[in-house]
Amino acid sequence: MARLQQGTSAAATTLLKTMIDPSTPASVRVRAAEAIFNHAAKAIEIEDIDARVAALEKVHGTAK
């Protein structure tokens, strides 16, 4: 898992470069854009859940 997490920056860079490279076929650029949207949405959901859990822990005095 740690190794995969270390590669996320390079993976994001690859997706972004693929998406903006005009020599890349349109279908591949669209797929890269879709992947970026999906991952960004998931990250926002996770951040929202994390904030909600932190607020609940604060209310209940169980924050770390």
PDB file of N, CA and C in Angstrom:
ATOM      1  N   MET A   1       0.817  -1.195   0.000  1.00  0.00           N
ATOM      2  CA  MET A   1       0.000   0.000   0.000  1.00  0.00           C
ATOM      3  C   MET A   1       0.860   1.258   0.000  1.00  0.00           C
ATOM      4  N   ALA A   2       1.890   1.258   0.826  1.00  0.00           N
ATOM      5  CA  ALA A   2       2.755   2.442   0.902  1.00  0.00           C
ATOM      6  C   ALA A   2       3.388   2.729  -0.455  1.00  0.00           C
ATOM      7  N   ARG A   3       3.813   1.700  -1.135  1.00  0.00           N
ATOM      8  CA  ARG A   3       4.448   1.868  -2.449  1.00  0.00           C
ATOM      9  C   ARG A   3       3.464   2.477  -3.450  1.00  0.00           C
ATOM     10  N   LEU A   4       2.221   2.010  -3.405  1.00  0.00           N
ATOM     11  CA  LEU A   4       1.201   2.569  -4.293  1.00  0.00           C
ATOM     12  C   LEU A   4       0.933   4.031  -3.965  1.00  0.00           C
ATOM     13  N   GLN A   5       0.885   4.352  -2.684  1.00  0.00           N
ATOM     14  CA  GLN A   5       0.650   5.734  -2.278  1.00  0.00           C
ATOM     15  C   GLN A   5       1.792   6.638  -2.734  1.00  0.00           C
ATOM     16  N   GLN A   6       3.011   6.126  -2.718  1.00  0.00           N
ATOM     17  CA  GLN A   6       4.158   6.913  -3.163  1.00  0.00           C
ATOM     18  C   GLN A   6       4.075   7.233  -4.652  1.00  0.00           C
ATOM     19  N   GLY A   7       3.410   6.386  -5.400  1.00  0.00           N
ATOM     20  CA  GLY A   7       3.313   6.580  -6.846  1.00  0.00           C
ATOM     21  C   GLY A   7       2.166   7.466  -7.287  1.00  0.00           C
ATOM     22  N   THR A   8       1.357   7.932  -6.348  1.00  0.00           N
ATOM     23  CA  THR A   8       0.181   8.711  -6.757  1.00  0.00           C
ATOM     24  C   THR A   8       0.537  10.036  -7.408  1.00  0.00           C
ATOM     25  N   SER A   9       1.607  10.668  -6.975  1.00  0.00           N
ATOM     26  CA  SER A   9       2.002  11.942  -7.584  1.00  0.00           C
ATOM     27  C   SER A   9       2.385  11.739  -9.054  1.00  0.00           C
ATOM     28  N   ALA A  10       3.167  10.709  -9.318  1.00  0.00           N
ATOM     29  CA  ALA A  10       3.568  10.415 -10.701  1.00  0.00           C
ATOM     30  C   ALA A  10       2.352  10.025 -11.535  1.00  0.00           C
ATOM     31  N   ALA A  11       1.441   9.281 -10.942  1.00  0.00           N
ATOM     32  CA  ALA A  11       0.228   8.869 -11.665  1.00  0.00           C
ATOM     33  C   ALA A  11      -0.631  10.081 -12.018  1.00  0.00           C
ATOM     34  N   ALA A  12      -0.768  11.005 -11.070  1.00  0.00           N
ATOM     35  CA  ALA A  12      -1.544  12.217 -11.326  1.00  0.00           C
ATOM     36  C   ALA A  12      -0.889  13.043 -12.433  1.00  0.00           C
ATOM     37  N   THR A  13       0.416  13.153 -12.386  1.00  0.00           N
ATOM     38  CA  THR A  13       1.142  13.887 -13.420  1.00  0.00           C
ATOM     39  C   THR A  13       0.923  13.249 -14.784  1.00  0.00           C
ATOM     40  N   THR A  14       0.984  11.933 -14.839  1.00  0.00           N
ATOM     41  CA  THR A  14       0.771  11.212 -16.100  1.00  0.00           C
ATOM     42  C   THR A  14      -0.627  11.472 -16.644  1.00  0.00           C
ATOM     43  N   LEU A  15      -1.629  11.399 -15.774  1.00  0.00           N
ATOM     44  CA  LEU A  15      -3.001  11.665 -16.219  1.00  0.00           C
ATOM     45  C   LEU A  15      -3.140  13.092 -16.749  1.00  0.00           C
ATOM     46  N   LEU A  16      -2.585  14.058 -16.015  1.00  0.00           N
ATOM     47  CA  LEU A  16      -2.697  15.448 -16.432  1.00  0.00           C
ATOM     48  C   LEU A  16      -1.978  15.702 -17.753  1.00  0.00           C
ATOM     49  N   LYS A  17      -0.780  15.152 -17.902  1.00  0.00           N
ATOM     50  CA  LYS A  17      -0.037  15.328 -19.161  1.00  0.00           C
ATOM     51  C   LYS A  17      -0.780  14.684 -20.323  1.00  0.00           C
ATOM     52  N   THR A  18      -1.333  13.495 -20.085  1.00  0.00           N
ATOM     53  CA  THR A  18      -2.084  12.789 -21.127  1.00  0.00           C
ATOM     54  C   THR A  18      -3.298  13.598 -21.541  1.00  0.00           C
ATOM     55  N   MET A  19      -3.971  14.185 -20.564  1.00  0.00           N
ATOM     56  CA  MET A  19      -5.190  14.933 -20.828  1.00  0.00           C
ATOM     57  C   MET A  19      -4.922  16.175 -21.686  1.00  0.00           C
ATOM     58  N   ILE A  20      -3.780  16.831 -21.488  1.00  0.00           N
ATOM     59  CA  ILE A  20      -3.537  18.088 -22.210  1.00  0.00           C
ATOM     60  C   ILE A  20      -2.682  17.937 -23.463  1.00  0.00           C
ATOM     61  N   ASP A  21      -2.167  16.741 -23.710  1.00  0.00           N
ATOM     62  CA  ASP A  21      -1.309  16.521 -24.880  1.00  0.00           C
ATOM     63  C   ASP A  21      -2.167  16.420 -26.142  1.00  0.00           C
ATOM     64  N   PRO A  22      -2.060  17.399 -27.045  1.00  0.00           N
ATOM     65  CA  PRO A  22      -2.896  17.370 -28.248  1.00  0.00           C
ATOM     66  C   PRO A  22      -2.596  16.200 -29.187  1.00  0.00           C
ATOM     67  N   SER A  23      -1.440  15.563 -29.039  1.00  0.00           N
ATOM     68  CA  SER A  23      -1.126  14.432 -29.914  1.00  0.00           C
ATOM     69  C   SER A  23      -1.743  13.123 -29.406  1.00  0.00           C
ATOM     70  N   THR A  24      -2.280  13.150 -28.198  1.00  0.00           N
ATOM     71  CA  THR A  24      -2.947  11.981 -27.645  1.00  0.00           C
ATOM     72  C   THR A  24      -4.345  11.880 -28.254  1.00  0.00           C
ATOM     73  N   PRO A  25      -4.773  10.677 -28.620  1.00  0.00           N
ATOM     74  CA  PRO A  25      -6.125  10.538 -29.187  1.00  0.00           C
ATOM     75  C   PRO A  25      -7.192  11.112 -28.245  1.00  0.00           C
ATOM     76  N   ALA A  26      -8.214  11.699 -28.838  1.00  0.00           N
ATOM     77  CA  ALA A  26      -9.270  12.352 -28.058  1.00  0.00           C
ATOM     78  C   ALA A  26      -9.903  11.404 -27.046  1.00  0.00           C
ATOM     79  N   SER A  27     -10.123  10.163 -27.426  1.00  0.00           N
ATOM     80  CA  SER A  27     -10.767   9.223 -26.511  1.00  0.00           C
ATOM     81  C   SER A  27      -9.911   8.977 -25.264  1.00  0.00           C
ATOM     82  N   VAL A  28      -8.606   8.976 -25.430  1.00  0.00           N
ATOM     83  CA  VAL A  28      -7.694   8.781 -24.295  1.00  0.00           C
ATOM     84  C   VAL A  28      -7.673  10.030 -23.421  1.00  0.00           C
ATOM     85  N   ARG A  29      -7.682  11.208 -24.051  1.00  0.00           N
ATOM     86  CA  ARG A  29      -7.712  12.455 -23.275  1.00  0.00           C
ATOM     87  C   ARG A  29      -8.992  12.559 -22.461  1.00  0.00           C
ATOM     88  N   VAL A  30     -10.112  12.175 -23.073  1.00  0.00           N
ATOM     89  CA  VAL A  30     -11.397  12.203 -22.359  1.00  0.00           C
ATOM     90  C   VAL A  30     -11.377  11.230 -21.191  1.00  0.00           C
ATOM     91  N   ARG A  31     -10.821  10.055 -21.395  1.00  0.00           N
ATOM     92  CA  ARG A  31     -10.743   9.060 -20.317  1.00  0.00           C
ATOM     93  C   ARG A  31      -9.853   9.568 -19.184  1.00  0.00           C
ATOM     94  N   ALA A  32      -8.753  10.221 -19.505  1.00  0.00           N
ATOM     95  CA  ALA A  32      -7.883  10.787 -18.469  1.00  0.00           C
ATOM     96  C   ALA A  32      -8.627  11.872 -17.696  1.00  0.00           C
ATOM     97  N   ALA A  33      -9.368  12.719 -18.406  1.00  0.00           N
ATOM     98  CA  ALA A  33     -10.143  13.770 -17.742  1.00  0.00           C
ATOM     99  C   ALA A  33     -11.192  13.158 -16.824  1.00  0.00           C
ATOM    100  N   GLU A  34     -11.847  12.117 -17.299  1.00  0.00           N
ATOM    101  CA  GLU A  34     -12.854  11.433 -16.481  1.00  0.00           C
ATOM    102  C   GLU A  34     -12.234  10.847 -15.216  1.00  0.00           C
ATOM    103  N   ALA A  35     -11.069  10.243 -15.349  1.00  0.00           N
ATOM    104  CA  ALA A  35     -10.380   9.673 -14.188  1.00  0.00           C
ATOM    105  C   ALA A  35     -10.024  10.771 -13.187  1.00  0.00           C
ATOM    106  N   ILE A  36      -9.573  11.913 -13.689  1.00  0.00           N
ATOM    107  CA  ILE A  36      -9.220  13.030 -12.808  1.00  0.00           C
ATOM    108  C   ILE A  36     -10.457  13.519 -12.063  1.00  0.00           C
ATOM    109  N   PHE A  37     -11.570  13.691 -12.769  1.00  0.00           N
ATOM    110  CA  PHE A  37     -12.817  14.099 -12.115  1.00  0.00           C
ATOM    111  C   PHE A  37     -13.235  13.104 -11.034  1.00  0.00           C
ATOM    112  N   ASN A  38     -13.184  11.832 -11.361  1.00  0.00           N
ATOM    113  CA  ASN A  38     -13.601  10.795 -10.408  1.00  0.00           C
ATOM    114  C   ASN A  38     -12.724  10.796  -9.160  1.00  0.00           C
ATOM    115  N   HIS A  39     -11.428  10.899  -9.341  1.00  0.00           N
ATOM    116  CA  HIS A  39     -10.518  10.891  -8.191  1.00  0.00           C
ATOM    117  C   HIS A  39     -10.667  12.170  -7.355  1.00  0.00           C
ATOM    118  N   ALA A  40     -10.884  13.293  -8.024  1.00  0.00           N
ATOM    119  CA  ALA A  40     -11.086  14.544  -7.293  1.00  0.00           C
ATOM    120  C   ALA A  40     -12.374  14.492  -6.473  1.00  0.00           C
ATOM    121  N   ALA A  41     -13.426  13.951  -7.058  1.00  0.00           N
ATOM    122  CA  ALA A  41     -14.698  13.833  -6.334  1.00  0.00           C
ATOM    123  C   ALA A  41     -14.541  12.923  -5.120  1.00  0.00           C
ATOM    124  N   LYS A  42     -13.844  11.825  -5.293  1.00  0.00           N
ATOM    125  CA  LYS A  42     -13.615  10.896  -4.180  1.00  0.00           C
ATOM    126  C   LYS A  42     -12.807  11.573  -3.076  1.00  0.00           C
ATOM    127  N   ALA A  43     -11.805  12.349  -3.445  1.00  0.00           N
ATOM    128  CA  ALA A  43     -10.988  13.060  -2.458  1.00  0.00           C
ATOM    129  C   ALA A  43     -11.829  14.062  -1.673  1.00  0.00           C
ATOM    130  N   ILE A  44     -12.728  14.761  -2.357  1.00  0.00           N
ATOM    131  CA  ILE A  44     -13.602  15.717  -1.683  1.00  0.00           C
ATOM    132  C   ILE A  44     -14.518  14.991  -0.703  1.00  0.00           C
ATOM    133  N   GLU A  45     -15.059  13.852  -1.119  1.00  0.00           N
ATOM    134  CA  GLU A  45     -15.921  13.066  -0.230  1.00  0.00           C
ATOM    135  C   GLU A  45     -15.159  12.615   1.016  1.00  0.00           C
ATOM    136  N   ILE A  46     -13.939  12.171   0.827  1.00  0.00           N
ATOM    137  CA  ILE A  46     -13.130  11.703   1.956  1.00  0.00           C
ATOM    138  C   ILE A  46     -12.820  12.853   2.903  1.00  0.00           C
ATOM    139  N   GLU A  47     -12.460  14.011   2.350  1.00  0.00           N
ATOM    140  CA  GLU A  47     -12.181  15.171   3.194  1.00  0.00           C
ATOM    141  C   GLU A  47     -13.421  15.579   3.991  1.00  0.00           C
ATOM    142  N   ASP A  48     -14.588  15.511   3.346  1.00  0.00           N
ATOM    143  CA  ASP A  48     -15.838  15.860   4.022  1.00  0.00           C
ATOM    144  C   ASP A  48     -16.117  14.888   5.168  1.00  0.00           C
ATOM    145  N   ILE A  49     -15.958  13.611   4.919  1.00  0.00           N
ATOM    146  CA  ILE A  49     -16.175  12.603   5.962  1.00  0.00           C
ATOM    147  C   ILE A  49     -15.188  12.804   7.105  1.00  0.00           C
ATOM    148  N   ASP A  50     -13.935  13.077   6.771  1.00  0.00           N
ATOM    149  CA  ASP A  50     -12.917  13.299   7.798  1.00  0.00           C
ATOM    150  C   ASP A  50     -13.289  14.496   8.680  1.00  0.00           C
ATOM    151  N   ALA A  51     -13.767  15.573   8.066  1.00  0.00           N
ATOM    152  CA  ALA A  51     -14.165  16.758   8.830  1.00  0.00           C
ATOM    153  C   ALA A  51     -15.359  16.452   9.729  1.00  0.00           C
ATOM    154  N   ARG A  52     -16.306  15.676   9.213  1.00  0.00           N
ATOM    155  CA  ARG A  52     -17.477  15.317  10.019  1.00  0.00           C
ATOM    156  C   ARG A  52     -17.096  14.438  11.198  1.00  0.00           C
ATOM    157  N   VAL A  53     -16.223  13.479  10.969  1.00  0.00           N
ATOM    158  CA  VAL A  53     -15.771  12.604  12.056  1.00  0.00           C
ATOM    159  C   VAL A  53     -15.022  13.417  13.102  1.00  0.00           C
ATOM    160  N   ALA A  54     -14.164  14.323  12.662  1.00  0.00           N
ATOM    161  CA  ALA A  54     -13.420  15.166  13.596  1.00  0.00           C
ATOM    162  C   ALA A  54     -14.373  16.000  14.444  1.00  0.00           C
ATOM    163  N   ALA A  55     -15.421  16.545  13.827  1.00  0.00           N
ATOM    164  CA  ALA A  55     -16.399  17.334  14.572  1.00  0.00           C
ATOM    165  C   ALA A  55     -17.138  16.472  15.588  1.00  0.00           C
ATOM    166  N   LEU A  56     -17.518  15.271  15.199  1.00  0.00           N
ATOM    167  CA  LEU A  56     -18.197  14.360  16.127  1.00  0.00           C
ATOM    168  C   LEU A  56     -17.278  13.974  17.281  1.00  0.00           C
ATOM    169  N   GLU A  57     -16.021  13.706  16.976  1.00  0.00           N
ATOM    170  CA  GLU A  57     -15.066  13.354  18.033  1.00  0.00           C
ATOM    171  C   GLU A  57     -14.880  14.523  19.002  1.00  0.00           C
ATOM    172  N   LYS A  58     -14.870  15.727  18.479  1.00  0.00           N
ATOM    173  CA  LYS A  58     -14.710  16.896  19.343  1.00  0.00           C
ATOM    174  C   LYS A  58     -15.910  17.043  20.275  1.00  0.00           C
ATOM    175  N   VAL A  59     -17.102  16.855  19.726  1.00  0.00           N
ATOM    176  CA  VAL A  59     -18.322  16.955  20.527  1.00  0.00           C
ATOM    177  C   VAL A  59     -18.348  15.893  21.621  1.00  0.00           C
ATOM    178  N   HIS A  60     -17.912  14.707  21.291  1.00  0.00           N
ATOM    179  CA  HIS A  60     -17.966  13.582  22.232  1.00  0.00           C
ATOM    180  C   HIS A  60     -16.680  13.412  23.034  1.00  0.00           C
ATOM    181  N   GLY A  61     -15.723  14.299  22.833  1.00  0.00           N
ATOM    182  CA  GLY A  61     -14.488  14.250  23.603  1.00  0.00           C
ATOM    183  C   GLY A  61     -13.624  13.044  23.325  1.00  0.00           C
ATOM    184  N   THR A  62     -13.709  12.529  22.107  1.00  0.00           N
ATOM    185  CA  THR A  62     -12.895  11.353  21.760  1.00  0.00           C
ATOM    186  C   THR A  62     -11.827  11.672  20.738  1.00  0.00           C
ATOM    187  N   ALA A  63     -11.569  12.954  20.505  1.00  0.00           N
ATOM    188  CA  ALA A  63     -10.550  13.338  19.520  1.00  0.00           C
ATOM    189  C   ALA A  63      -9.173  12.862  19.971  1.00  0.00           C
ATOM    190  N   LYS A  64      -8.364  12.516  18.993  1.00  0.00           N
ATOM    191  CA  LYS A  64      -7.018  12.017  19.315  1.00  0.00           C
ATOM    192  C   LYS A  64      -6.071  13.154  19.579  1.00  0.00           C
TER     193      LYS A  64
END
